[in-house]
Amino acid sequence: MSSTTKPKKALICGIGGQDGAYLAQLLLSKGYEVWGTSRDAQASTFNNLGALGIKERAILVSMASNDFRSVLATLKRSDPDEVYFLSGQTSVGLSFEQPVETLESITLGTLNLLEAIRFMEKPIKFYHAGSSECFGDIGMEAADENTPFHPRSPYAVAKASAHWLVANYREAYGLFACNGILFNHESPLRPARFVTRKIISAACRIAKGSTEKLELGKLNIVRDWGWAPEYVEAMWRMLQQEKADDFIIATGEANSLEEFVKCTFDSLGLDWRDHVVSNIALFRPTDLLWSQGNSAKAERLLGWQPSSKMREVIQNMIAVENVK
């Protein structure tokens, strides 16, 4: 980049989360000026940015995505080339307890950003973090971009609504707006309440002598688990295309939660059956039995494909957990 060329600017809404932190790291490595939002940037700790050693390199500002004035003011202040909307209530389980907040933070937040970008009348590219949860139960098949949605949680309903808002603004107003329909993607930056992090952390403690029992919900659910740092690369690639489009990002490999648990405990020389119990109290009102993605379109058009699948994800997470 020459001294006369201004760096690209990106605004990451939800920079403090797993995906936001890894995306910030990626964009900084590419020479971007990175802005990031939190509802209260002064009070937020941004621990994930700190863990990656990049907290001081991002410009952190407060923004309430459900407040249009706040969104528009943040866009005017940051003047970004690219906007990544990764914030909102992110837990499927919690969405059953907080459906209103979930719908508002995800759907209204997406609408406010799209409308503010339209008002700006600048060639801003927009990425919305969609979700594989939108598909619901489709049987033992890998979903692609043409698979119909059948959301089965307030979280999935919110993400499906936001997906169609993005498509509508792209078609009606000509905005460069993309949906990334990401299947499960994990890392050590996952909050402790997420089942993969819960499993890894407990297994590592048990391997060090803890006598605790790991309590989980349904063990027969099947998921497509990938590595989060690879998935944010796909987000960025979507916004580098000449034409905006929607893409599924997944490994294409399906494994049950029991297989995830077994592989984790096997890696630590333990028999999972001695340490894990299924607790009916942790069952969700409606839980997807099978979730698997087909990312052939992303491979063909974005040149993206995963190099880490479930077993590599587990090994990566154990390696970090064991140095804490």
C-alpha atoms as a PDB file:
ATOM      1  CA  MET A   1       0.000   0.000   0.000  1.00  0.00           C
ATOM      2  CA  SER A   2       1.514   3.347  -1.043  1.00  0.00           C
ATOM      3  CA  SER A   3       1.686   6.317   1.297  1.00  0.00           C
ATOM      4  CA  THR A   4      -0.963   8.100  -0.789  1.00  0.00           C
ATOM      5  CA  THR A   5      -3.462   5.246  -0.592  1.00  0.00           C
ATOM      6  CA  LYS A   6      -5.866   5.395   2.304  1.00  0.00           C
ATOM      7  CA  PRO A   7      -6.400   2.093   4.101  1.00  0.00           C
ATOM      8  CA  LYS A   8      -9.816   0.493   3.846  1.00  0.00           C
ATOM      9  CA  LYS A   9     -12.037   1.057   6.852  1.00  0.00           C
ATOM     10  CA  ALA A  10     -14.250  -1.590   8.411  1.00  0.00           C
ATOM     11  CA  LEU A  11     -16.888  -1.241  11.108  1.00  0.00           C
ATOM     12  CA  ILE A  12     -17.415  -4.456  13.093  1.00  0.00           C
ATOM     13  CA  CYS A  13     -20.615  -4.398  15.126  1.00  0.00           C
ATOM     14  CA  GLY A  14     -20.027  -6.841  17.948  1.00  0.00           C
ATOM     15  CA  ILE A  15     -16.230  -6.725  17.819  1.00  0.00           C
ATOM     16  CA  GLY A  16     -15.993  -8.131  21.356  1.00  0.00           C
ATOM     17  CA  GLY A  17     -17.420 -11.535  20.470  1.00  0.00           C
ATOM     18  CA  GLN A  18     -15.613 -14.577  19.115  1.00  0.00           C
ATOM     19  CA  ASP A  19     -16.160 -13.775  15.442  1.00  0.00           C
ATOM     20  CA  GLY A  20     -15.714 -10.041  15.879  1.00  0.00           C
ATOM     21  CA  ALA A  21     -12.319 -10.469  17.525  1.00  0.00           C
ATOM     22  CA  TYR A  22     -10.996 -12.909  14.915  1.00  0.00           C
ATOM     23  CA  LEU A  23     -12.358 -10.753  12.089  1.00  0.00           C
ATOM     24  CA  ALA A  24     -10.661  -7.676  13.567  1.00  0.00           C
ATOM     25  CA  GLN A  25      -7.392  -9.609  13.728  1.00  0.00           C
ATOM     26  CA  LEU A  26      -7.752 -10.657  10.094  1.00  0.00           C
ATOM     27  CA  LEU A  27      -8.611  -7.175   8.825  1.00  0.00           C
ATOM     28  CA  LEU A  28      -5.794  -5.548  10.773  1.00  0.00           C
ATOM     29  CA  SER A  29      -3.386  -8.042   9.179  1.00  0.00           C
ATOM     30  CA  LYS A  30      -4.663  -6.855   5.797  1.00  0.00           C
ATOM     31  CA  GLY A  31      -3.969  -3.206   6.588  1.00  0.00           C
ATOM     32  CA  TYR A  32      -7.518  -2.099   7.408  1.00  0.00           C
ATOM     33  CA  GLU A  33      -8.418   0.651   9.831  1.00  0.00           C
ATOM     34  CA  VAL A  34     -10.765  -1.241  12.151  1.00  0.00           C
ATOM     35  CA  TRP A  35     -13.611   0.314  14.099  1.00  0.00           C
ATOM     36  CA  GLY A  36     -15.601  -1.810  16.513  1.00  0.00           C
ATOM     37  CA  THR A  37     -18.805  -1.303  18.449  1.00  0.00           C
ATOM     38  CA  SER A  38     -20.224  -2.383  21.759  1.00  0.00           C
ATOM     39  CA  ARG A  39     -23.367  -1.119  23.471  1.00  0.00           C
ATOM     40  CA  ASP A  40     -21.103   0.573  26.042  1.00  0.00           C
ATOM     41  CA  ALA A  41     -17.522   0.657  24.805  1.00  0.00           C
ATOM     42  CA  GLN A  42     -16.261   2.389  27.946  1.00  0.00           C
ATOM     43  CA  ALA A  43     -17.594  -0.325  30.238  1.00  0.00           C
ATOM     44  CA  SER A  44     -16.813  -3.308  27.987  1.00  0.00           C
ATOM     45  CA  THR A  45     -13.660  -5.252  28.747  1.00  0.00           C
ATOM     46  CA  PHE A  46     -13.108  -6.566  25.191  1.00  0.00           C
ATOM     47  CA  ASN A  47     -11.312  -9.572  26.671  1.00  0.00           C
ATOM     48  CA  ASN A  48     -11.220 -11.394  23.340  1.00  0.00           C
ATOM     49  CA  LEU A  49      -9.405  -8.498  21.669  1.00  0.00           C
ATOM     50  CA  GLY A  50      -7.000  -8.492  24.600  1.00  0.00           C
ATOM     51  CA  ALA A  51      -6.434 -12.248  24.270  1.00  0.00           C
ATOM     52  CA  LEU A  52      -5.468 -11.732  20.620  1.00  0.00           C
ATOM     53  CA  GLY A  53      -3.241  -8.756  21.490  1.00  0.00           C
ATOM     54  CA  ILE A  54      -5.120  -6.282  19.281  1.00  0.00           C
ATOM     55  CA  LYS A  55      -7.276  -4.259  21.686  1.00  0.00           C
ATOM     56  CA  GLU A  56      -5.163  -1.124  21.318  1.00  0.00           C
ATOM     57  CA  ARG A  57      -5.179  -1.341  17.522  1.00  0.00           C
ATOM     58  CA  ALA A  58      -8.945  -1.012  17.039  1.00  0.00           C
ATOM     59  CA  ILE A  59     -11.034   2.147  17.434  1.00  0.00           C
ATOM     60  CA  LEU A  60     -13.776   1.187  19.894  1.00  0.00           C
ATOM     61  CA  VAL A  61     -17.040   3.118  20.049  1.00  0.00           C
ATOM     62  CA  SER A  62     -20.457   2.758  21.683  1.00  0.00           C
ATOM     63  CA  MET A  63     -23.465   1.940  19.504  1.00  0.00           C
ATOM     64  CA  ALA A  64     -26.957   0.650  20.285  1.00  0.00           C
ATOM     65  CA  SER A  65     -28.026  -1.256  17.179  1.00  0.00           C
ATOM     66  CA  ASN A  66     -31.719  -0.963  18.118  1.00  0.00           C
ATOM     67  CA  ASP A  67     -31.461   2.868  18.114  1.00  0.00           C
ATOM     68  CA  PHE A  68     -31.454   4.270  14.575  1.00  0.00           C
ATOM     69  CA  ARG A  69     -29.877   7.575  15.586  1.00  0.00           C
ATOM     70  CA  SER A  70     -27.032   5.753  17.311  1.00  0.00           C
ATOM     71  CA  VAL A  71     -26.448   3.577  14.241  1.00  0.00           C
ATOM     72  CA  LEU A  72     -26.499   6.502  11.795  1.00  0.00           C
ATOM     73  CA  ALA A  73     -24.187   8.589  13.996  1.00  0.00           C
ATOM     74  CA  THR A  74     -21.701   5.699  14.227  1.00  0.00           C
ATOM     75  CA  LEU A  75     -21.707   5.195  10.455  1.00  0.00           C
ATOM     76  CA  LYS A  76     -21.108   8.904   9.854  1.00  0.00           C
ATOM     77  CA  ARG A  77     -18.305   8.982  12.412  1.00  0.00           C
ATOM     78  CA  SER A  78     -16.491   5.878  11.176  1.00  0.00           C
ATOM     79  CA  ASP A  79     -17.251   6.370   7.446  1.00  0.00           C
ATOM     80  CA  PRO A  80     -16.560   2.677   6.667  1.00  0.00           C
ATOM     81  CA  ASP A  81     -16.046   0.883   3.376  1.00  0.00           C
ATOM     82  CA  GLU A  82     -17.341  -2.345   4.912  1.00  0.00           C
ATOM     83  CA  VAL A  83     -19.780  -3.051   7.753  1.00  0.00           C
ATOM     84  CA  TYR A  84     -19.991  -6.417   9.489  1.00  0.00           C
ATOM     85  CA  PHE A  85     -23.054  -6.959  11.688  1.00  0.00           C
ATOM     86  CA  LEU A  86     -22.104  -9.697  14.152  1.00  0.00           C
ATOM     87  CA  SER A  87     -23.815  -8.411  17.275  1.00  0.00           C
ATOM     88  CA  GLY A  88     -27.167  -9.141  18.874  1.00  0.00           C
ATOM     89  CA  GLN A  89     -28.222 -11.913  21.235  1.00  0.00           C
ATOM     90  CA  THR A  90     -26.196 -14.937  20.093  1.00  0.00           C
ATOM     91  CA  SER A  91     -27.432 -17.847  22.219  1.00  0.00           C
ATOM     92  CA  VAL A  92     -30.118 -20.187  20.867  1.00  0.00           C
ATOM     93  CA  GLY A  93     -30.876 -21.489  24.363  1.00  0.00           C
ATOM     94  CA  LEU A  94     -31.145 -18.010  25.889  1.00  0.00           C
ATOM     95  CA  SER A  95     -33.501 -16.907  23.109  1.00  0.00           C
ATOM     96  CA  PHE A  96     -36.256 -19.082  24.583  1.00  0.00           C
ATOM     97  CA  GLU A  97     -35.951 -17.080  27.811  1.00  0.00           C
ATOM     98  CA  GLN A  98     -35.466 -13.700  26.126  1.00  0.00           C
ATOM     99  CA  PRO A  99     -37.388 -13.820  22.819  1.00  0.00           C
ATOM    100  CA  VAL A 100     -38.210 -10.100  22.645  1.00  0.00           C
ATOM    101  CA  GLU A 101     -34.637  -8.969  23.235  1.00  0.00           C
ATOM    102  CA  THR A 102     -33.423 -11.572  20.735  1.00  0.00           C
ATOM    103  CA  LEU A 103     -35.798 -10.411  17.983  1.00  0.00           C
ATOM    104  CA  GLU A 104     -35.116  -6.758  18.636  1.00  0.00           C
ATOM    105  CA  SER A 105     -31.328  -6.948  18.822  1.00  0.00           C
ATOM    106  CA  ILE A 106     -30.979  -9.080  15.684  1.00  0.00           C
ATOM    107  CA  THR A 107     -33.817  -8.048  13.366  1.00  0.00           C
ATOM    108  CA  LEU A 108     -34.171  -4.379  14.264  1.00  0.00           C
ATOM    109  CA  GLY A 109     -30.396  -4.047  14.439  1.00  0.00           C
ATOM    110  CA  THR A 110     -30.058  -5.396  10.896  1.00  0.00           C
ATOM    111  CA  LEU A 111     -32.837  -3.117   9.617  1.00  0.00           C
ATOM    112  CA  ASN A 112     -31.310  -0.025  11.229  1.00  0.00           C
ATOM    113  CA  LEU A 113     -27.916  -0.695   9.672  1.00  0.00           C
ATOM    114  CA  LEU A 114     -29.366  -1.349   6.220  1.00  0.00           C
ATOM    115  CA  GLU A 115     -31.496   1.790   6.385  1.00  0.00           C
ATOM    116  CA  ALA A 116     -28.595   3.907   7.666  1.00  0.00           C
ATOM    117  CA  ILE A 117     -26.359   2.632   4.854  1.00  0.00           C
ATOM    118  CA  ARG A 118     -29.104   3.537   2.368  1.00  0.00           C
ATOM    119  CA  PHE A 119     -29.287   7.043   3.860  1.00  0.00           C
ATOM    120  CA  MET A 120     -25.516   7.470   3.590  1.00  0.00           C
ATOM    121  CA  GLU A 121     -25.656   7.079  -0.203  1.00  0.00           C
ATOM    122  CA  LYS A 122     -22.112   5.697  -0.264  1.00  0.00           C
ATOM    123  CA  PRO A 123     -20.867   2.382  -1.688  1.00  0.00           C
ATOM    124  CA  ILE A 124     -20.706   0.685   1.715  1.00  0.00           C
ATOM    125  CA  LYS A 125     -20.617  -3.119   1.638  1.00  0.00           C
ATOM    126  CA  PHE A 126     -22.650  -4.892   4.308  1.00  0.00           C
ATOM    127  CA  TYR A 127     -22.246  -8.344   5.821  1.00  0.00           C
ATOM    128  CA  HIS A 128     -24.937  -9.915   8.000  1.00  0.00           C
ATOM    129  CA  ALA A 129     -24.116 -12.903  10.182  1.00  0.00           C
ATOM    130  CA  GLY A 130     -26.853 -15.361   9.268  1.00  0.00           C
ATOM    131  CA  SER A 131     -27.279 -18.738  10.918  1.00  0.00           C
ATOM    132  CA  SER A 132     -27.677 -22.402  10.071  1.00  0.00           C
ATOM    133  CA  GLU A 133     -30.393 -22.465  12.760  1.00  0.00           C
ATOM    134  CA  CYS A 134     -32.741 -20.905  10.181  1.00  0.00           C
ATOM    135  CA  PHE A 135     -33.088 -24.226   8.358  1.00  0.00           C
ATOM    136  CA  GLY A 136     -34.600 -26.132  11.263  1.00  0.00           C
ATOM    137  CA  ASP A 137     -34.844 -29.899  10.916  1.00  0.00           C
ATOM    138  CA  ILE A 138     -34.350 -30.962   7.296  1.00  0.00           C
ATOM    139  CA  GLY A 139     -33.464 -34.582   7.930  1.00  0.00           C
ATOM    140  CA  MET A 140     -30.061 -36.142   7.367  1.00  0.00           C
ATOM    141  CA  GLU A 141     -29.159 -33.785   4.542  1.00  0.00           C
ATOM    142  CA  ALA A 142     -26.608 -31.035   4.047  1.00  0.00           C
ATOM    143  CA  ALA A 143     -28.369 -27.702   3.539  1.00  0.00           C
ATOM    144  CA  ASP A 144     -27.390 -25.464   0.631  1.00  0.00           C
ATOM    145  CA  GLU A 145     -28.405 -21.915  -0.323  1.00  0.00           C
ATOM    146  CA  ASN A 146     -31.672 -23.156  -1.856  1.00  0.00           C
ATOM    147  CA  THR A 147     -32.855 -25.119   1.185  1.00  0.00           C
ATOM    148  CA  PRO A 148     -36.048 -23.542   2.645  1.00  0.00           C
ATOM    149  CA  PHE A 149     -36.006 -22.037   6.124  1.00  0.00           C
ATOM    150  CA  HIS A 150     -38.020 -23.556   8.970  1.00  0.00           C
ATOM    151  CA  PRO A 151     -36.775 -21.781  12.127  1.00  0.00           C
ATOM    152  CA  ARG A 152     -37.464 -23.540  15.424  1.00  0.00           C
ATOM    153  CA  SER A 153     -36.268 -21.043  18.040  1.00  0.00           C
ATOM    154  CA  PRO A 154     -36.733 -17.300  18.648  1.00  0.00           C
ATOM    155  CA  TYR A 155     -33.076 -16.893  17.691  1.00  0.00           C
ATOM    156  CA  ALA A 156     -33.623 -18.684  14.378  1.00  0.00           C
ATOM    157  CA  VAL A 157     -36.787 -16.666  13.666  1.00  0.00           C
ATOM    158  CA  ALA A 158     -34.826 -13.450  14.231  1.00  0.00           C
ATOM    159  CA  LYS A 159     -31.972 -14.555  11.976  1.00  0.00           C
ATOM    160  CA  ALA A 160     -34.390 -15.670   9.252  1.00  0.00           C
ATOM    161  CA  SER A 161     -36.175 -12.296   9.376  1.00  0.00           C
ATOM    162  CA  ALA A 162     -32.848 -10.461   9.161  1.00  0.00           C
ATOM    163  CA  HIS A 163     -31.793 -12.676   6.233  1.00  0.00           C
ATOM    164  CA  TRP A 164     -34.798 -11.595   4.182  1.00  0.00           C
ATOM    165  CA  LEU A 165     -34.298  -7.944   5.104  1.00  0.00           C
ATOM    166  CA  VAL A 166     -30.785  -8.169   3.669  1.00  0.00           C
ATOM    167  CA  ALA A 167     -32.053  -9.844   0.492  1.00  0.00           C
ATOM    168  CA  ASN A 168     -34.797  -7.239   0.134  1.00  0.00           C
ATOM    169  CA  TYR A 169     -32.479  -4.255   0.509  1.00  0.00           C
ATOM    170  CA  ARG A 170     -30.103  -5.828  -2.006  1.00  0.00           C
ATOM    171  CA  GLU A 171     -32.865  -6.317  -4.554  1.00  0.00           C
ATOM    172  CA  ALA A 172     -35.006  -3.220  -3.871  1.00  0.00           C
ATOM    173  CA  TYR A 173     -32.335  -0.601  -3.219  1.00  0.00           C
ATOM    174  CA  GLY A 174     -29.245  -2.046  -4.877  1.00  0.00           C
ATOM    175  CA  LEU A 175     -27.213  -2.253  -1.671  1.00  0.00           C
ATOM    176  CA  PHE A 176     -24.181  -4.503  -1.612  1.00  0.00           C
ATOM    177  CA  ALA A 177     -25.503  -6.694   1.186  1.00  0.00           C
ATOM    178  CA  CYS A 178     -24.576 -10.319   1.907  1.00  0.00           C
ATOM    179  CA  ASN A 179     -25.806 -13.037   4.236  1.00  0.00           C
ATOM    180  CA  GLY A 180     -23.212 -15.454   5.527  1.00  0.00           C
ATOM    181  CA  ILE A 181     -25.101 -18.556   6.669  1.00  0.00           C
ATOM    182  CA  LEU A 182     -22.503 -19.996   9.003  1.00  0.00           C
ATOM    183  CA  PHE A 183     -22.801 -23.412  10.570  1.00  0.00           C
ATOM    184  CA  ASN A 184     -21.344 -24.052  14.037  1.00  0.00           C
ATOM    185  CA  HIS A 185     -17.838 -22.677  14.359  1.00  0.00           C
ATOM    186  CA  GLU A 186     -15.840 -22.842  17.551  1.00  0.00           C
ATOM    187  CA  SER A 187     -12.676 -21.568  19.216  1.00  0.00           C
ATOM    188  CA  PRO A 188     -11.181 -20.886  22.653  1.00  0.00           C
ATOM    189  CA  LEU A 189     -12.886 -17.471  22.512  1.00  0.00           C
ATOM    190  CA  ARG A 190     -16.340 -19.046  22.855  1.00  0.00           C
ATOM    191  CA  PRO A 191     -18.095 -18.024  26.105  1.00  0.00           C
ATOM    192  CA  ALA A 192     -18.236 -20.746  28.754  1.00  0.00           C
ATOM    193  CA  ARG A 193     -21.992 -21.222  28.252  1.00  0.00           C
ATOM    194  CA  PHE A 194     -21.483 -22.604  24.728  1.00  0.00           C
ATOM    195  CA  VAL A 195     -21.556 -26.390  24.796  1.00  0.00           C
ATOM    196  CA  THR A 196     -18.248 -26.948  22.989  1.00  0.00           C
ATOM    197  CA  ARG A 197     -16.305 -24.708  25.360  1.00  0.00           C
ATOM    198  CA  LYS A 198     -18.173 -26.255  28.304  1.00  0.00           C
ATOM    199  CA  ILE A 199     -17.069 -29.733  27.202  1.00  0.00           C
ATOM    200  CA  ILE A 200     -13.446 -28.786  26.531  1.00  0.00           C
ATOM    201  CA  SER A 201     -13.049 -26.885  29.815  1.00  0.00           C
ATOM    202  CA  ALA A 202     -14.623 -29.621  31.952  1.00  0.00           C
ATOM    203  CA  ALA A 203     -12.670 -32.409  30.275  1.00  0.00           C
ATOM    204  CA  CYS A 204      -9.386 -30.575  30.839  1.00  0.00           C
ATOM    205  CA  ARG A 205     -10.221 -29.995  34.512  1.00  0.00           C
ATOM    206  CA  ILE A 206     -11.160 -33.665  34.951  1.00  0.00           C
ATOM    207  CA  ALA A 207      -7.895 -34.719  33.290  1.00  0.00           C
ATOM    208  CA  LYS A 208      -6.093 -32.623  35.925  1.00  0.00           C
ATOM    209  CA  GLY A 209      -7.896 -34.377  38.770  1.00  0.00           C
ATOM    210  CA  SER A 210     -11.318 -32.782  39.142  1.00  0.00           C
ATOM    211  CA  THR A 211     -14.033 -35.220  40.278  1.00  0.00           C
ATOM    212  CA  GLU A 212     -16.904 -33.225  38.764  1.00  0.00           C
ATOM    213  CA  LYS A 213     -19.539 -34.658  36.443  1.00  0.00           C
ATOM    214  CA  LEU A 214     -20.131 -32.902  33.127  1.00  0.00           C
ATOM    215  CA  GLU A 215     -23.879 -32.379  32.656  1.00  0.00           C
ATOM    216  CA  LEU A 216     -25.132 -32.027  29.074  1.00  0.00           C
ATOM    217  CA  GLY A 217     -28.468 -32.052  27.280  1.00  0.00           C
ATOM    218  CA  LYS A 218     -29.244 -34.325  24.325  1.00  0.00           C
ATOM    219  CA  LEU A 219     -26.178 -36.239  23.169  1.00  0.00           C
ATOM    220  CA  ASN A 220     -27.656 -37.482  19.887  1.00  0.00           C
ATOM    221  CA  ILE A 221     -27.921 -34.086  18.188  1.00  0.00           C
ATOM    222  CA  VAL A 222     -25.700 -33.810  15.101  1.00  0.00           C
ATOM    223  CA  ARG A 223     -23.776 -30.686  14.124  1.00  0.00           C
ATOM    224  CA  ASP A 224     -21.271 -29.450  11.560  1.00  0.00           C
ATOM    225  CA  TRP A 225     -18.392 -27.968  13.601  1.00  0.00           C
ATOM    226  CA  GLY A 226     -15.719 -25.747  12.068  1.00  0.00           C
ATOM    227  CA  TRP A 227     -12.892 -23.480  13.216  1.00  0.00           C
ATOM    228  CA  ALA A 228     -13.916 -19.845  13.758  1.00  0.00           C
ATOM    229  CA  PRO A 229     -10.714 -18.150  12.487  1.00  0.00           C
ATOM    230  CA  GLU A 230     -11.280 -19.819   9.105  1.00  0.00           C
ATOM    231  CA  TYR A 231     -14.919 -18.740   8.974  1.00  0.00           C
ATOM    232  CA  VAL A 232     -14.168 -15.018   9.354  1.00  0.00           C
ATOM    233  CA  GLU A 233     -11.948 -15.308   6.272  1.00  0.00           C
ATOM    234  CA  ALA A 234     -15.104 -16.327   4.379  1.00  0.00           C
ATOM    235  CA  MET A 235     -16.942 -13.240   5.674  1.00  0.00           C
ATOM    236  CA  TRP A 236     -14.235 -10.989   4.304  1.00  0.00           C
ATOM    237  CA  ARG A 237     -14.159 -12.796   0.967  1.00  0.00           C
ATOM    238  CA  MET A 238     -17.900 -12.240   0.517  1.00  0.00           C
ATOM    239  CA  LEU A 239     -17.395  -8.479   0.580  1.00  0.00           C
ATOM    240  CA  GLN A 240     -14.542  -8.606  -1.948  1.00  0.00           C
ATOM    241  CA  GLN A 241     -16.791  -9.953  -4.713  1.00  0.00           C
ATOM    242  CA  GLU A 242     -18.099  -7.824  -7.570  1.00  0.00           C
ATOM    243  CA  LYS A 243     -21.661  -8.933  -6.880  1.00  0.00           C
ATOM    244  CA  ALA A 244     -23.327  -9.337  -3.494  1.00  0.00           C
ATOM    245  CA  ASP A 245     -24.678 -12.801  -2.734  1.00  0.00           C
ATOM    246  CA  ASP A 246     -25.488 -15.214   0.095  1.00  0.00           C
ATOM    247  CA  PHE A 247     -23.219 -18.115   1.037  1.00  0.00           C
ATOM    248  CA  ILE A 248     -23.274 -21.136   3.314  1.00  0.00           C
ATOM    249  CA  ILE A 249     -20.053 -21.646   5.269  1.00  0.00           C
ATOM    250  CA  ALA A 250     -19.598 -25.143   6.699  1.00  0.00           C
ATOM    251  CA  THR A 251     -17.237 -28.119   6.770  1.00  0.00           C
ATOM    252  CA  GLY A 252     -19.761 -30.574   5.316  1.00  0.00           C
ATOM    253  CA  GLU A 253     -18.882 -33.068   8.078  1.00  0.00           C
ATOM    254  CA  ALA A 254     -21.608 -34.134  10.511  1.00  0.00           C
ATOM    255  CA  ASN A 255     -20.890 -35.470  14.010  1.00  0.00           C
ATOM    256  CA  SER A 256     -23.090 -36.086  17.029  1.00  0.00           C
ATOM    257  CA  LEU A 257     -22.519 -34.294  20.308  1.00  0.00           C
ATOM    258  CA  GLU A 258     -21.653 -37.698  21.770  1.00  0.00           C
ATOM    259  CA  GLU A 259     -18.884 -38.042  19.173  1.00  0.00           C
ATOM    260  CA  PHE A 260     -17.599 -34.565  20.081  1.00  0.00           C
ATOM    261  CA  VAL A 261     -17.535 -35.555  23.757  1.00  0.00           C
ATOM    262  CA  LYS A 262     -15.898 -38.927  23.071  1.00  0.00           C
ATOM    263  CA  CYS A 263     -13.207 -37.407  20.876  1.00  0.00           C
ATOM    264  CA  THR A 264     -12.465 -34.759  23.522  1.00  0.00           C
ATOM    265  CA  PHE A 265     -12.120 -37.240  26.389  1.00  0.00           C
ATOM    266  CA  ASP A 266     -10.211 -39.746  24.214  1.00  0.00           C
ATOM    267  CA  SER A 267      -7.692 -36.998  23.441  1.00  0.00           C
ATOM    268  CA  LEU A 268      -7.064 -36.649  27.163  1.00  0.00           C
ATOM    269  CA  GLY A 269      -6.836 -40.401  27.832  1.00  0.00           C
ATOM    270  CA  LEU A 270     -10.248 -40.604  29.497  1.00  0.00           C
ATOM    271  CA  ASP A 271     -13.421 -42.645  29.016  1.00  0.00           C
ATOM    272  CA  TRP A 272     -16.190 -40.054  28.627  1.00  0.00           C
ATOM    273  CA  ARG A 273     -18.826 -42.448  30.005  1.00  0.00           C
ATOM    274  CA  ASP A 274     -17.195 -42.208  33.437  1.00  0.00           C
ATOM    275  CA  HIS A 275     -17.593 -38.438  33.575  1.00  0.00           C
ATOM    276  CA  VAL A 276     -20.623 -37.301  31.547  1.00  0.00           C
ATOM    277  CA  VAL A 277     -24.340 -37.400  32.293  1.00  0.00           C
ATOM    278  CA  SER A 278     -27.306 -36.318  30.173  1.00  0.00           C
ATOM    279  CA  ASN A 279     -29.618 -34.029  32.163  1.00  0.00           C
ATOM    280  CA  ILE A 280     -33.186 -33.621  30.893  1.00  0.00           C
ATOM    281  CA  ALA A 281     -33.309 -30.187  32.508  1.00  0.00           C
ATOM    282  CA  LEU A 282     -30.838 -29.007  29.861  1.00  0.00           C
ATOM    283  CA  PHE A 283     -33.012 -30.122  26.932  1.00  0.00           C
ATOM    284  CA  ARG A 284     -34.337 -27.233  24.809  1.00  0.00           C
ATOM    285  CA  PRO A 285     -38.056 -26.884  23.960  1.00  0.00           C
ATOM    286  CA  THR A 286     -37.201 -27.509  20.304  1.00  0.00           C
ATOM    287  CA  ASP A 287     -33.727 -28.652  19.358  1.00  0.00           C
ATOM    288  CA  LEU A 288     -32.459 -29.456  15.873  1.00  0.00           C
ATOM    289  CA  LEU A 289     -31.560 -33.115  15.571  1.00  0.00           C
ATOM    290  CA  TRP A 290     -29.337 -32.770  12.498  1.00  0.00           C
ATOM    291  CA  SER A 291     -27.518 -29.712  11.155  1.00  0.00           C
ATOM    292  CA  GLN A 292     -25.026 -29.991   8.293  1.00  0.00           C
ATOM    293  CA  GLY A 293     -23.992 -27.587   5.546  1.00  0.00           C
ATOM    294  CA  ASN A 294     -22.898 -27.761   1.918  1.00  0.00           C
ATOM    295  CA  SER A 295     -20.465 -24.941   1.157  1.00  0.00           C
ATOM    296  CA  ALA A 296     -19.773 -25.909  -2.473  1.00  0.00           C
ATOM    297  CA  LYS A 297     -20.923 -22.478  -3.665  1.00  0.00           C
ATOM    298  CA  ALA A 298     -18.436 -20.728  -1.367  1.00  0.00           C
ATOM    299  CA  GLU A 299     -15.645 -22.979  -2.615  1.00  0.00           C
ATOM    300  CA  ARG A 300     -16.581 -22.300  -6.231  1.00  0.00           C
ATOM    301  CA  LEU A 301     -17.120 -18.524  -6.075  1.00  0.00           C
ATOM    302  CA  LEU A 302     -15.082 -17.407  -3.049  1.00  0.00           C
ATOM    303  CA  GLY A 303     -12.264 -19.928  -3.262  1.00  0.00           C
ATOM    304  CA  TRP A 304     -12.960 -20.784   0.380  1.00  0.00           C
ATOM    305  CA  GLN A 305     -12.779 -24.216   1.935  1.00  0.00           C
ATOM    306  CA  PRO A 306     -12.151 -25.373   5.503  1.00  0.00           C
ATOM    307  CA  SER A 307      -8.937 -27.049   6.563  1.00  0.00           C
ATOM    308  CA  SER A 308     -10.069 -27.795  10.137  1.00  0.00           C
ATOM    309  CA  LYS A 309     -12.955 -30.119  10.979  1.00  0.00           C
ATOM    310  CA  MET A 310     -14.259 -31.390  14.310  1.00  0.00           C
ATOM    311  CA  ARG A 311     -11.178 -33.295  15.425  1.00  0.00           C
ATOM    312  CA  GLU A 312      -8.810 -30.443  14.578  1.00  0.00           C
ATOM    313  CA  VAL A 313     -11.140 -27.978  16.325  1.00  0.00           C
ATOM    314  CA  ILE A 314     -11.071 -30.099  19.487  1.00  0.00           C
ATOM    315  CA  GLN A 315      -7.267 -30.388  19.431  1.00  0.00           C
ATOM    316  CA  ASN A 316      -6.891 -26.618  18.928  1.00  0.00           C
ATOM    317  CA  MET A 317      -9.239 -25.823  21.806  1.00  0.00           C
ATOM    318  CA  ILE A 318      -7.619 -28.332  24.190  1.00  0.00           C
ATOM    319  CA  ALA A 319      -4.170 -26.905  23.424  1.00  0.00           C
ATOM    320  CA  VAL A 320      -5.266 -23.420  24.482  1.00  0.00           C
ATOM    321  CA  GLU A 321      -7.309 -24.610  27.473  1.00  0.00           C
ATOM    322  CA  ASN A 322      -4.351 -26.529  28.871  1.00  0.00           C
ATOM    323  CA  VAL A 323      -2.072 -23.481  28.951  1.00  0.00           C
ATOM    324  CA  LYS A 324      -4.496 -21.403  31.017  1.00  0.00           C
END
